[in-house]
Amino acid sequence: MNVYEPALDYNDNDWDVFSKWIKGILIISDTTVTFTKKDGAERVMRCTLRPDALPVQEVTESKEPRKTSDSTLSVYDLEANGWRSFTIRAVKRVEFAIDNDEI
């Protein structure tokens, strides 16, 4: 198990790099993310962005695309079986396992 905790003194560039890094980890691994919710409560979520773990979504032309944000990340919650999001700068801990075959 690998564990990463972002530094308290990250600057804007550090958070941008962290955002890209965590997205990459989520695409190849089920990940446990600990973060602080907007109400101040701590949340631990087992989540992923692995394509083979995501539900199939029907594409319709009438739907307007959702707004995207650089400050939040939408992930698939493996325990709730639904999409959730968290603020990237609120992440306190990331736990993941990567096999050498996945890199």
Protein backbone atom coordinates (compact mmCIF):
# COMPACT_ATOMS: atom_id res chain seq x y z
CA MET A 1 0.00 0.00 0.00
CA ASN A 2 1.31 3.44 -0.94
CA VAL A 3 0.38 6.50 1.09
CA TYR A 4 0.76 10.14 0.12
CA GLU A 5 -0.12 13.21 2.16
CA PRO A 6 0.04 16.62 0.47
CA ALA A 7 2.19 19.21 2.25
CA LEU A 8 0.49 21.99 4.18
CA ASP A 9 2.57 24.62 2.39
CA TYR A 10 1.70 23.70 -1.21
CA ASN A 11 1.58 26.65 -3.58
CA ASP A 12 -0.75 26.92 -6.60
CA ASN A 13 1.68 25.11 -8.90
CA ASP A 14 2.11 22.26 -6.38
CA TRP A 15 -1.69 21.83 -6.24
CA ASP A 16 -1.87 21.75 -10.05
CA VAL A 17 0.76 18.99 -10.15
CA PHE A 18 -1.01 17.12 -7.33
CA SER A 19 -4.32 17.37 -9.20
CA LYS A 20 -2.83 15.75 -12.31
CA TRP A 21 -1.05 13.13 -10.20
CA ILE A 22 -4.15 12.06 -8.25
CA LYS A 23 -6.20 11.82 -11.47
CA GLY A 24 -3.53 9.52 -12.90
CA ILE A 25 -3.56 7.34 -9.78
CA LEU A 26 -7.37 7.12 -9.84
CA ILE A 27 -7.37 6.03 -13.49
CA ILE A 28 -5.19 2.99 -12.75
CA SER A 29 -6.10 2.10 -9.17
CA ASP A 30 -8.86 1.89 -6.61
CA THR A 31 -7.86 4.62 -4.17
CA THR A 32 -8.81 5.67 -0.65
CA VAL A 33 -8.95 9.44 -0.36
CA THR A 34 -9.29 11.23 2.97
CA PHE A 35 -10.44 14.82 2.70
CA THR A 36 -12.20 17.55 4.64
CA LYS A 37 -15.75 18.21 3.53
CA LYS A 38 -17.06 21.76 3.14
CA ASP A 39 -18.86 21.43 6.49
CA GLY A 40 -15.53 20.63 8.19
CA ALA A 41 -16.17 16.91 8.65
CA GLU A 42 -13.51 14.43 7.59
CA ARG A 43 -14.53 11.91 4.94
CA VAL A 44 -12.76 8.73 3.85
CA MET A 45 -13.86 7.53 0.42
CA ARG A 46 -12.84 4.47 -1.58
CA CYS A 47 -13.06 5.64 -5.16
CA THR A 48 -11.72 5.23 -8.67
CA LEU A 49 -11.66 6.49 -12.24
CA ARG A 50 -10.63 3.10 -13.69
CA PRO A 51 -12.57 2.83 -16.96
CA ASP A 52 -13.46 -0.84 -16.35
CA ALA A 53 -15.00 0.02 -12.94
CA LEU A 54 -17.18 2.91 -14.12
CA PRO A 55 -20.84 2.40 -14.98
CA VAL A 56 -21.83 2.59 -18.62
CA GLN A 57 -23.52 5.90 -19.29
CA GLU A 58 -25.87 6.37 -22.18
CA VAL A 59 -24.92 9.32 -24.36
CA THR A 60 -27.76 11.56 -25.42
CA GLU A 61 -27.46 14.59 -27.63
CA SER A 62 -30.04 16.62 -25.73
CA LYS A 63 -28.05 16.77 -22.49
CA GLU A 64 -25.97 19.86 -21.94
CA PRO A 65 -22.41 19.15 -20.83
CA ARG A 66 -21.79 19.62 -17.14
CA LYS A 67 -19.62 22.46 -16.00
CA THR A 68 -16.13 21.39 -15.09
CA SER A 69 -13.99 22.79 -12.32
CA ASP A 70 -10.26 22.78 -11.77
CA SER A 71 -10.77 22.89 -8.01
CA THR A 72 -12.92 19.75 -7.63
CA LEU A 73 -12.60 16.20 -8.87
CA SER A 74 -15.51 13.90 -9.68
CA VAL A 75 -14.84 10.25 -8.88
CA TYR A 76 -16.82 7.03 -8.67
CA ASP A 77 -17.44 6.05 -5.02
CA LEU A 78 -16.98 2.27 -4.89
CA GLU A 79 -18.96 1.86 -1.65
CA ALA A 80 -21.91 4.13 -2.50
CA ASN A 81 -21.89 3.01 -6.17
CA GLY A 82 -22.30 6.55 -7.37
CA TRP A 83 -20.50 9.66 -8.51
CA ARG A 84 -19.15 11.97 -5.81
CA SER A 85 -16.71 14.87 -5.81
CA PHE A 86 -14.23 16.50 -3.50
CA THR A 87 -12.20 19.68 -3.45
CA ILE A 88 -8.63 18.84 -4.44
CA ARG A 89 -7.10 21.25 -1.91
CA ALA A 90 -9.09 19.53 0.86
CA VAL A 91 -7.30 16.19 0.36
CA LYS A 92 -5.37 15.09 3.44
CA ARG A 93 -4.31 11.55 2.47
CA VAL A 94 -4.24 9.26 -0.56
CA GLU A 95 -3.81 5.47 -0.23
CA PHE A 96 -3.36 3.29 -3.29
CA ALA A 97 -1.76 0.10 -4.59
CA ILE A 98 -0.21 -0.18 -8.02
CA ASP A 99 1.05 -3.38 -9.61
CA ASN A 100 4.12 -3.07 -11.81
CA ASP A 101 1.97 -4.42 -14.67
CA GLU A 102 -0.28 -1.35 -14.44
CA ILE A 103 2.47 1.23 -14.95
